[in-house]
Amino acid sequence: MSQKREIELCGEQTFLTCGADGAIAYGTEASPMTGSYRYEGYSVDTVDTTGAGDGFWMGQ
């Protein structure tokens, strides 16, 4: 099975976090966001990482 097909089986939209390298978003043809998108990471002054993942996903 191809990687593309594996991602499509996750649902209409899939978001992959890549740590300091940013994130990748993928939408199937059934999604309003069709195709793949790469978002570069950027530097921040980290104070506390509590809830960082929750904050990322709520921004979707």
C-alpha atoms as a PDB file:
ATOM      1  CA  MET A   1       0.000   0.000   0.000  1.00  0.00           C
ATOM      2  CA  SER A   2       1.336   3.448  -0.888  1.00  0.00           C
ATOM      3  CA  GLN A   3       1.962   6.143   1.728  1.00  0.00           C
ATOM      4  CA  LYS A   4      -0.629   8.322   0.006  1.00  0.00           C
ATOM      5  CA  ARG A   5      -3.262   5.587   0.373  1.00  0.00           C
ATOM      6  CA  GLU A   6      -2.358   5.021   4.035  1.00  0.00           C
ATOM      7  CA  ILE A   7      -2.829   8.741   4.724  1.00  0.00           C
ATOM      8  CA  GLU A   8      -6.149   8.783   2.837  1.00  0.00           C
ATOM      9  CA  LEU A   9      -7.410   5.983   5.101  1.00  0.00           C
ATOM     10  CA  CYS A  10      -6.899   8.293   8.117  1.00  0.00           C
ATOM     11  CA  GLY A  11      -9.790  10.509   6.970  1.00  0.00           C
ATOM     12  CA  GLU A  12     -10.534  13.445   4.701  1.00  0.00           C
ATOM     13  CA  GLN A  13      -7.899  15.621   6.385  1.00  0.00           C
ATOM     14  CA  THR A  14      -4.673  14.533   8.073  1.00  0.00           C
ATOM     15  CA  PHE A  15      -2.187  16.732   9.942  1.00  0.00           C
ATOM     16  CA  LEU A  16       1.313  15.532  10.806  1.00  0.00           C
ATOM     17  CA  THR A  17       3.519  17.422  13.249  1.00  0.00           C
ATOM     18  CA  CYS A  18       7.254  17.373  12.526  1.00  0.00           C
ATOM     19  CA  GLY A  19       8.636  19.111  15.617  1.00  0.00           C
ATOM     20  CA  ALA A  20      11.035  21.940  14.781  1.00  0.00           C
ATOM     21  CA  ASP A  21      10.573  21.134  11.077  1.00  0.00           C
ATOM     22  CA  GLY A  22       6.951  22.333  11.118  1.00  0.00           C
ATOM     23  CA  ALA A  23       3.896  20.375   9.996  1.00  0.00           C
ATOM     24  CA  ILE A  24       2.310  18.765   6.963  1.00  0.00           C
ATOM     25  CA  ALA A  25      -1.404  18.903   6.114  1.00  0.00           C
ATOM     26  CA  TYR A  26      -3.085  16.603   3.603  1.00  0.00           C
ATOM     27  CA  GLY A  27      -6.648  16.680   2.286  1.00  0.00           C
ATOM     28  CA  THR A  28      -8.346  14.116   0.050  1.00  0.00           C
ATOM     29  CA  GLU A  29     -10.531  15.132  -2.881  1.00  0.00           C
ATOM     30  CA  ALA A  30     -13.554  14.858  -0.543  1.00  0.00           C
ATOM     31  CA  SER A  31     -12.049  17.568   1.683  1.00  0.00           C
ATOM     32  CA  PRO A  32     -12.375  21.349   1.207  1.00  0.00           C
ATOM     33  CA  MET A  33      -8.552  21.375   1.491  1.00  0.00           C
ATOM     34  CA  THR A  34      -7.377  19.163  -1.388  1.00  0.00           C
ATOM     35  CA  GLY A  35      -3.687  18.302  -1.744  1.00  0.00           C
ATOM     36  CA  SER A  36      -0.689  18.474   0.566  1.00  0.00           C
ATOM     37  CA  TYR A  37       0.746  21.527   2.279  1.00  0.00           C
ATOM     38  CA  ARG A  38       4.021  21.976   4.157  1.00  0.00           C
ATOM     39  CA  TYR A  39       4.258  24.540   6.954  1.00  0.00           C
ATOM     40  CA  GLU A  40       7.768  25.441   8.068  1.00  0.00           C
ATOM     41  CA  GLY A  41       8.622  25.549  11.754  1.00  0.00           C
ATOM     42  CA  TYR A  42       9.895  28.710  13.392  1.00  0.00           C
ATOM     43  CA  SER A  43      11.795  29.600  16.551  1.00  0.00           C
ATOM     44  CA  VAL A  44      10.013  30.752  19.684  1.00  0.00           C
ATOM     45  CA  ASP A  45      11.118  31.484  23.236  1.00  0.00           C
ATOM     46  CA  THR A  46       9.590  28.534  25.102  1.00  0.00           C
ATOM     47  CA  VAL A  47       8.332  29.282  28.593  1.00  0.00           C
ATOM     48  CA  ASP A  48       6.293  26.127  29.265  1.00  0.00           C
ATOM     49  CA  THR A  49       5.353  23.237  26.949  1.00  0.00           C
ATOM     50  CA  THR A  50       2.269  22.205  28.937  1.00  0.00           C
ATOM     51  CA  GLY A  51      -0.634  22.016  26.482  1.00  0.00           C
ATOM     52  CA  ALA A  52       1.536  22.849  23.464  1.00  0.00           C
ATOM     53  CA  GLY A  53       0.119  19.988  21.396  1.00  0.00           C
ATOM     54  CA  ASP A  54      -3.435  20.872  22.427  1.00  0.00           C
ATOM     55  CA  GLY A  55      -2.806  24.467  21.360  1.00  0.00           C
ATOM     56  CA  PHE A  56      -1.501  23.330  17.983  1.00  0.00           C
ATOM     57  CA  TRP A  57      -4.530  21.147  17.263  1.00  0.00           C
ATOM     58  CA  MET A  58      -7.041  23.766  18.390  1.00  0.00           C
ATOM     59  CA  GLY A  59      -5.546  26.127  15.799  1.00  0.00           C
ATOM     60  CA  GLN A  60      -6.587  23.780  13.002  1.00  0.00           C
END
